[in-house]
Amino acid sequence: MTDKYIQRGDVVTWTNSTGSNVAAGSVVKMVHTLGVALVDIPNGASGSVAIEGVFEAPKVSAAVFSVGEKLIWDVSAGAFDDSAASPASGDVTGAAIAMRVGQNGETTCVVKLTPGNAAIQS
């Protein structure tokens, strides 16, 4: 292995500056990507956040989507919405795709994070 190798890259150390504690399993918005906290991260502390992988996450109850569909992270709802939704200011697009069909009435979904592809709505 080369001496230039640092780490795998699927987990990053993130410093929580949200003003609130972040619980393990929570979706974390990090500039141009989304991650999932792997540990509880108190405000002002640093902790491990996965930026790659497949995770169960909150879903907007009315959202309906197919496997492979690009999802929207609805910041105000704290949940993923389908691609037919109109993203509001601050919402994140392009950061995840659906790995399981999403049906009306469900409040969780299964997503694959797609790091480096996100756009923040203005």
N, C-alpha and C. Protein backbone atom coordinates (compact mmCIF):
# COMPACT_ATOMS: atom_id res chain seq x y z
N MET A 1 0.85 -1.18 0.00
CA MET A 1 0.00 0.00 0.00
C MET A 1 0.90 1.24 0.00
N THR A 2 0.50 2.22 -0.73
CA THR A 2 1.27 3.45 -0.82
C THR A 2 1.24 4.22 0.49
N ASP A 3 2.28 4.97 0.73
CA ASP A 3 2.32 5.80 1.95
C ASP A 3 1.45 7.04 1.80
N LYS A 4 0.82 7.23 0.65
CA LYS A 4 -0.09 8.36 0.43
C LYS A 4 -1.52 8.03 0.88
N TYR A 5 -1.81 6.75 1.09
CA TYR A 5 -3.15 6.32 1.50
C TYR A 5 -3.44 6.82 2.91
N ILE A 6 -4.63 7.38 3.11
CA ILE A 6 -5.00 7.90 4.42
C ILE A 6 -6.11 7.07 5.07
N GLN A 7 -7.22 6.87 4.36
CA GLN A 7 -8.33 6.09 4.90
C GLN A 7 -9.25 5.68 3.76
N ARG A 8 -10.23 4.82 4.05
CA ARG A 8 -11.16 4.33 3.02
C ARG A 8 -12.03 5.44 2.44
N GLY A 9 -12.52 6.33 3.23
CA GLY A 9 -13.31 7.45 2.72
C GLY A 9 -14.81 7.32 2.86
N ASP A 10 -15.29 6.21 3.40
CA ASP A 10 -16.74 6.06 3.56
C ASP A 10 -17.24 6.65 4.87
N VAL A 11 -16.31 6.97 5.77
CA VAL A 11 -16.65 7.59 7.05
C VAL A 11 -15.75 8.80 7.23
N VAL A 12 -16.34 9.92 7.63
CA VAL A 12 -15.57 11.14 7.89
C VAL A 12 -15.79 11.57 9.33
N THR A 13 -14.85 12.34 9.85
CA THR A 13 -15.01 12.96 11.16
C THR A 13 -15.66 14.32 10.93
N TRP A 14 -16.79 14.53 11.58
CA TRP A 14 -17.57 15.75 11.39
C TRP A 14 -17.72 16.45 12.73
N THR A 15 -17.55 17.78 12.72
CA THR A 15 -17.74 18.59 13.92
C THR A 15 -19.14 19.19 13.89
N ASN A 16 -19.89 18.91 14.93
CA ASN A 16 -21.28 19.35 15.04
C ASN A 16 -21.35 20.81 15.46
N SER A 17 -21.76 21.66 14.53
CA SER A 17 -21.95 23.08 14.84
C SER A 17 -23.40 23.49 14.61
N THR A 18 -24.32 22.53 14.77
CA THR A 18 -25.74 22.78 14.50
C THR A 18 -26.45 23.53 15.62
N GLY A 19 -25.86 23.54 16.81
CA GLY A 19 -26.54 24.13 17.96
C GLY A 19 -27.36 23.13 18.76
N SER A 20 -27.41 21.89 18.26
CA SER A 20 -28.16 20.82 18.92
C SER A 20 -27.34 19.54 18.91
N ASN A 21 -27.65 18.64 19.82
CA ASN A 21 -27.01 17.32 19.79
C ASN A 21 -27.55 16.53 18.60
N VAL A 22 -26.70 15.70 18.00
CA VAL A 22 -27.10 14.85 16.88
C VAL A 22 -27.04 13.40 17.36
N ALA A 23 -28.15 12.70 17.26
CA ALA A 23 -28.22 11.30 17.71
C ALA A 23 -27.67 10.37 16.64
N ALA A 24 -27.07 9.27 17.08
CA ALA A 24 -26.62 8.23 16.16
C ALA A 24 -27.80 7.82 15.28
N GLY A 25 -27.56 7.67 13.99
CA GLY A 25 -28.60 7.29 13.05
C GLY A 25 -29.28 8.47 12.38
N SER A 26 -28.98 9.69 12.84
CA SER A 26 -29.58 10.88 12.24
C SER A 26 -28.90 11.25 10.93
N VAL A 27 -29.69 11.77 10.00
CA VAL A 27 -29.13 12.28 8.75
C VAL A 27 -28.49 13.63 9.05
N VAL A 28 -27.28 13.83 8.52
CA VAL A 28 -26.51 15.03 8.77
C VAL A 28 -26.25 15.73 7.43
N LYS A 29 -26.59 17.01 7.35
CA LYS A 29 -26.31 17.82 6.16
C LYS A 29 -24.93 18.43 6.32
N MET A 30 -24.03 18.11 5.37
CA MET A 30 -22.65 18.61 5.42
C MET A 30 -22.31 19.27 4.09
N VAL A 31 -22.49 20.55 3.99
CA VAL A 31 -22.21 21.36 2.81
C VAL A 31 -22.83 20.75 1.56
N HIS A 32 -22.10 19.93 0.80
CA HIS A 32 -22.60 19.37 -0.46
C HIS A 32 -22.81 17.86 -0.41
N THR A 33 -23.04 17.32 0.75
CA THR A 33 -23.33 15.89 0.87
C THR A 33 -24.18 15.65 2.12
N LEU A 34 -24.79 14.50 2.17
CA LEU A 34 -25.50 14.06 3.37
C LEU A 34 -24.74 12.88 3.94
N GLY A 35 -24.83 12.71 5.24
CA GLY A 35 -24.24 11.56 5.91
C GLY A 35 -25.19 11.06 6.97
N VAL A 36 -24.81 9.98 7.62
CA VAL A 36 -25.57 9.42 8.73
C VAL A 36 -24.63 9.31 9.92
N ALA A 37 -25.01 9.94 11.02
CA ALA A 37 -24.19 9.89 12.23
C ALA A 37 -24.09 8.44 12.72
N LEU A 38 -22.88 7.98 12.95
CA LEU A 38 -22.67 6.62 13.44
C LEU A 38 -22.62 6.56 14.96
N VAL A 39 -22.48 7.72 15.59
CA VAL A 39 -22.44 7.83 17.05
C VAL A 39 -23.22 9.08 17.44
N ASP A 40 -23.59 9.18 18.71
CA ASP A 40 -24.16 10.44 19.21
C ASP A 40 -23.07 11.50 19.13
N ILE A 41 -23.42 12.69 18.62
CA ILE A 41 -22.43 13.77 18.50
C ILE A 41 -23.00 15.01 19.18
N PRO A 42 -22.53 15.30 20.40
CA PRO A 42 -23.00 16.49 21.09
C PRO A 42 -22.62 17.76 20.32
N ASN A 43 -23.40 18.83 20.51
CA ASN A 43 -23.07 20.09 19.88
C ASN A 43 -21.65 20.50 20.26
N GLY A 44 -20.86 20.89 19.27
CA GLY A 44 -19.48 21.32 19.50
C GLY A 44 -18.47 20.19 19.49
N ALA A 45 -18.93 18.95 19.50
CA ALA A 45 -18.03 17.79 19.49
C ALA A 45 -17.90 17.24 18.08
N SER A 46 -16.94 16.34 17.90
CA SER A 46 -16.73 15.67 16.62
C SER A 46 -17.06 14.20 16.76
N GLY A 47 -17.52 13.61 15.64
CA GLY A 47 -17.84 12.19 15.65
C GLY A 47 -17.87 11.64 14.25
N SER A 48 -18.03 10.34 14.14
CA SER A 48 -18.00 9.64 12.86
C SER A 48 -19.35 9.72 12.15
N VAL A 49 -19.27 10.07 10.86
CA VAL A 49 -20.45 10.16 10.00
C VAL A 49 -20.17 9.39 8.72
N ALA A 50 -21.05 8.46 8.39
CA ALA A 50 -20.92 7.69 7.14
C ALA A 50 -21.44 8.54 5.99
N ILE A 51 -20.67 8.61 4.89
CA ILE A 51 -21.12 9.33 3.71
C ILE A 51 -21.37 8.38 2.54
N GLU A 52 -21.18 7.10 2.76
CA GLU A 52 -21.48 6.08 1.77
C GLU A 52 -22.19 4.93 2.47
N GLY A 53 -23.02 4.23 1.72
CA GLY A 53 -23.71 3.07 2.28
C GLY A 53 -25.20 3.18 2.10
N VAL A 54 -25.90 2.16 2.60
CA VAL A 54 -27.36 2.08 2.51
C VAL A 54 -27.91 2.14 3.93
N PHE A 55 -28.89 3.02 4.14
CA PHE A 55 -29.41 3.28 5.48
C PHE A 55 -30.92 3.39 5.47
N GLU A 56 -31.53 3.06 6.60
CA GLU A 56 -32.94 3.39 6.82
C GLU A 56 -32.98 4.83 7.32
N ALA A 57 -33.90 5.62 6.78
CA ALA A 57 -33.96 7.04 7.11
C ALA A 57 -35.41 7.51 7.15
N PRO A 58 -35.66 8.68 7.74
CA PRO A 58 -37.02 9.22 7.76
C PRO A 58 -37.51 9.55 6.35
N LYS A 59 -38.82 9.39 6.14
CA LYS A 59 -39.44 9.63 4.83
C LYS A 59 -40.68 10.50 5.03
N VAL A 60 -40.90 11.44 4.13
CA VAL A 60 -42.14 12.21 4.12
C VAL A 60 -43.28 11.22 3.86
N SER A 61 -44.27 11.20 4.72
CA SER A 61 -45.33 10.19 4.68
C SER A 61 -46.02 10.08 3.32
N ALA A 62 -46.26 11.19 2.65
CA ALA A 62 -46.98 11.18 1.37
C ALA A 62 -46.09 10.86 0.17
N ALA A 63 -44.79 10.80 0.37
CA ALA A 63 -43.86 10.55 -0.75
C ALA A 63 -44.04 9.14 -1.30
N VAL A 64 -44.00 9.04 -2.62
CA VAL A 64 -44.10 7.75 -3.31
C VAL A 64 -42.96 7.70 -4.32
N PHE A 65 -42.14 6.65 -4.28
CA PHE A 65 -41.02 6.58 -5.22
C PHE A 65 -40.63 5.15 -5.53
N SER A 66 -39.85 5.01 -6.60
CA SER A 66 -39.38 3.71 -7.10
C SER A 66 -37.93 3.50 -6.73
N VAL A 67 -37.49 2.26 -6.78
CA VAL A 67 -36.08 1.94 -6.55
C VAL A 67 -35.25 2.67 -7.61
N GLY A 68 -34.19 3.32 -7.18
CA GLY A 68 -33.30 4.04 -8.07
C GLY A 68 -33.64 5.50 -8.26
N GLU A 69 -34.79 5.93 -7.76
CA GLU A 69 -35.21 7.33 -7.91
C GLU A 69 -34.35 8.24 -7.05
N LYS A 70 -33.94 9.38 -7.62
CA LYS A 70 -33.23 10.40 -6.84
C LYS A 70 -34.20 10.99 -5.84
N LEU A 71 -33.75 11.16 -4.62
CA LEU A 71 -34.60 11.68 -3.56
C LEU A 71 -34.16 13.07 -3.15
N ILE A 72 -35.06 13.78 -2.51
CA ILE A 72 -34.80 15.13 -1.99
C ILE A 72 -34.78 15.04 -0.48
N TRP A 73 -33.76 15.62 0.15
CA TRP A 73 -33.75 15.73 1.61
C TRP A 73 -34.48 17.02 1.95
N ASP A 74 -35.66 16.90 2.52
CA ASP A 74 -36.49 18.03 2.92
C ASP A 74 -36.01 18.46 4.30
N VAL A 75 -35.28 19.57 4.33
CA VAL A 75 -34.66 20.03 5.56
C VAL A 75 -35.71 20.35 6.63
N SER A 76 -36.80 21.02 6.23
CA SER A 76 -37.80 21.40 7.24
C SER A 76 -38.53 20.18 7.80
N ALA A 77 -38.74 19.15 6.98
CA ALA A 77 -39.41 17.93 7.45
C ALA A 77 -38.43 16.98 8.13
N GLY A 78 -37.13 17.14 7.84
CA GLY A 78 -36.14 16.20 8.37
C GLY A 78 -36.36 14.81 7.82
N ALA A 79 -36.71 14.75 6.51
CA ALA A 79 -37.06 13.47 5.90
C ALA A 79 -36.84 13.52 4.39
N PHE A 80 -36.73 12.34 3.78
CA PHE A 80 -36.58 12.26 2.33
C PHE A 80 -37.94 12.35 1.65
N ASP A 81 -37.96 13.06 0.52
CA ASP A 81 -39.17 13.22 -0.29
C ASP A 81 -38.88 12.71 -1.70
N ASP A 82 -39.94 12.49 -2.48
CA ASP A 82 -39.75 11.98 -3.84
C ASP A 82 -39.29 13.08 -4.80
N SER A 83 -38.85 12.68 -5.99
CA SER A 83 -38.30 13.63 -6.95
C SER A 83 -39.37 14.52 -7.58
N ALA A 84 -40.64 14.20 -7.39
CA ALA A 84 -41.72 15.05 -7.91
C ALA A 84 -41.97 16.26 -7.02
N ALA A 85 -41.45 16.23 -5.81
CA ALA A 85 -41.64 17.35 -4.88
C ALA A 85 -40.85 18.56 -5.37
N SER A 86 -41.31 19.75 -5.01
CA SER A 86 -40.58 20.98 -5.33
C SER A 86 -39.67 21.31 -4.16
N PRO A 87 -38.35 21.24 -4.37
CA PRO A 87 -37.44 21.52 -3.26
C PRO A 87 -37.53 22.98 -2.82
N ALA A 88 -37.52 23.18 -1.52
CA ALA A 88 -37.53 24.52 -0.94
C ALA A 88 -36.10 24.96 -0.68
N SER A 89 -35.94 26.21 -0.35
CA SER A 89 -34.62 26.75 -0.05
C SER A 89 -33.96 25.94 1.07
N GLY A 90 -32.73 25.51 0.84
CA GLY A 90 -31.98 24.74 1.82
C GLY A 90 -32.11 23.24 1.68
N ASP A 91 -33.11 22.77 0.91
CA ASP A 91 -33.27 21.33 0.69
C ASP A 91 -32.09 20.80 -0.14
N VAL A 92 -31.82 19.51 -0.01
CA VAL A 92 -30.67 18.89 -0.67
C VAL A 92 -31.17 17.90 -1.72
N THR A 93 -30.71 18.08 -2.96
CA THR A 93 -31.04 17.16 -4.04
C THR A 93 -29.78 16.43 -4.48
N GLY A 94 -29.95 15.23 -5.02
CA GLY A 94 -28.83 14.48 -5.58
C GLY A 94 -27.93 13.79 -4.59
N ALA A 95 -28.32 13.71 -3.32
CA ALA A 95 -27.45 13.12 -2.31
C ALA A 95 -27.81 11.68 -1.97
N ALA A 96 -28.94 11.18 -2.51
CA ALA A 96 -29.36 9.81 -2.19
C ALA A 96 -30.33 9.31 -3.24
N ILE A 97 -30.35 7.98 -3.39
CA ILE A 97 -31.35 7.32 -4.24
C ILE A 97 -32.09 6.29 -3.40
N ALA A 98 -33.31 5.99 -3.84
CA ALA A 98 -34.13 4.99 -3.14
C ALA A 98 -33.62 3.59 -3.44
N MET A 99 -33.51 2.78 -2.40
CA MET A 99 -33.09 1.38 -2.54
C MET A 99 -34.26 0.44 -2.29
N ARG A 100 -35.40 1.00 -1.92
CA ARG A 100 -36.62 0.23 -1.71
C ARG A 100 -37.78 1.13 -2.15
N VAL A 101 -38.82 0.55 -2.69
CA VAL A 101 -40.01 1.31 -3.09
C VAL A 101 -40.54 2.06 -1.88
N GLY A 102 -40.90 3.33 -2.08
CA GLY A 102 -41.50 4.14 -1.03
C GLY A 102 -42.99 4.29 -1.29
N GLN A 103 -43.81 3.96 -0.29
CA GLN A 103 -45.26 4.00 -0.47
C GLN A 103 -45.90 5.06 0.42
N ASN A 104 -47.04 5.55 -0.03
CA ASN A 104 -47.80 6.54 0.73
C ASN A 104 -48.10 5.99 2.12
N GLY A 105 -47.89 6.81 3.13
CA GLY A 105 -48.17 6.42 4.51
C GLY A 105 -46.97 5.91 5.28
N GLU A 106 -45.92 5.51 4.57
CA GLU A 106 -44.70 5.04 5.26
C GLU A 106 -43.92 6.24 5.78
N THR A 107 -43.27 6.06 6.90
CA THR A 107 -42.48 7.16 7.49
C THR A 107 -40.99 6.87 7.51
N THR A 108 -40.58 5.72 6.98
CA THR A 108 -39.15 5.42 6.82
C THR A 108 -38.93 4.90 5.41
N CYS A 109 -37.69 5.03 4.96
CA CYS A 109 -37.31 4.55 3.64
C CYS A 109 -35.89 4.00 3.72
N VAL A 110 -35.47 3.32 2.66
CA VAL A 110 -34.11 2.80 2.58
C VAL A 110 -33.42 3.54 1.44
N VAL A 111 -32.31 4.21 1.77
CA VAL A 111 -31.60 5.04 0.79
C VAL A 111 -30.14 4.64 0.68
N LYS A 112 -29.59 4.91 -0.50
CA LYS A 112 -28.15 4.79 -0.72
C LYS A 112 -27.62 6.20 -0.85
N LEU A 113 -26.66 6.53 0.00
CA LEU A 113 -26.04 7.85 -0.07
C LEU A 113 -25.15 7.92 -1.31
N THR A 114 -25.18 9.06 -1.99
CA THR A 114 -24.37 9.28 -3.19
C THR A 114 -23.52 10.53 -2.98
N PRO A 115 -22.40 10.40 -2.27
CA PRO A 115 -21.61 11.57 -1.89
C PRO A 115 -21.04 12.31 -3.09
N GLY A 116 -20.97 13.63 -2.93
CA GLY A 116 -20.36 14.47 -3.95
C GLY A 116 -21.29 14.88 -5.07
N ASN A 117 -22.54 14.45 -5.04
CA ASN A 117 -23.49 14.76 -6.11
C ASN A 117 -24.57 15.74 -5.69
N ALA A 118 -24.52 16.22 -4.49
CA ALA A 118 -25.62 17.01 -3.94
C ALA A 118 -25.60 18.46 -4.42
N ALA A 119 -26.79 19.03 -4.45
CA ALA A 119 -26.96 20.46 -4.69
C ALA A 119 -27.89 20.99 -3.60
N ILE A 120 -27.58 22.18 -3.11
CA ILE A 120 -28.40 22.83 -2.10
C ILE A 120 -29.29 23.84 -2.81
N GLN A 121 -30.59 23.74 -2.59
CA GLN A 121 -31.52 24.67 -3.23
C GLN A 121 -31.39 26.05 -2.61
N SER A 122 -31.44 27.06 -3.45
CA SER A 122 -31.33 28.43 -2.95
C SER A 122 -32.67 29.12 -2.96
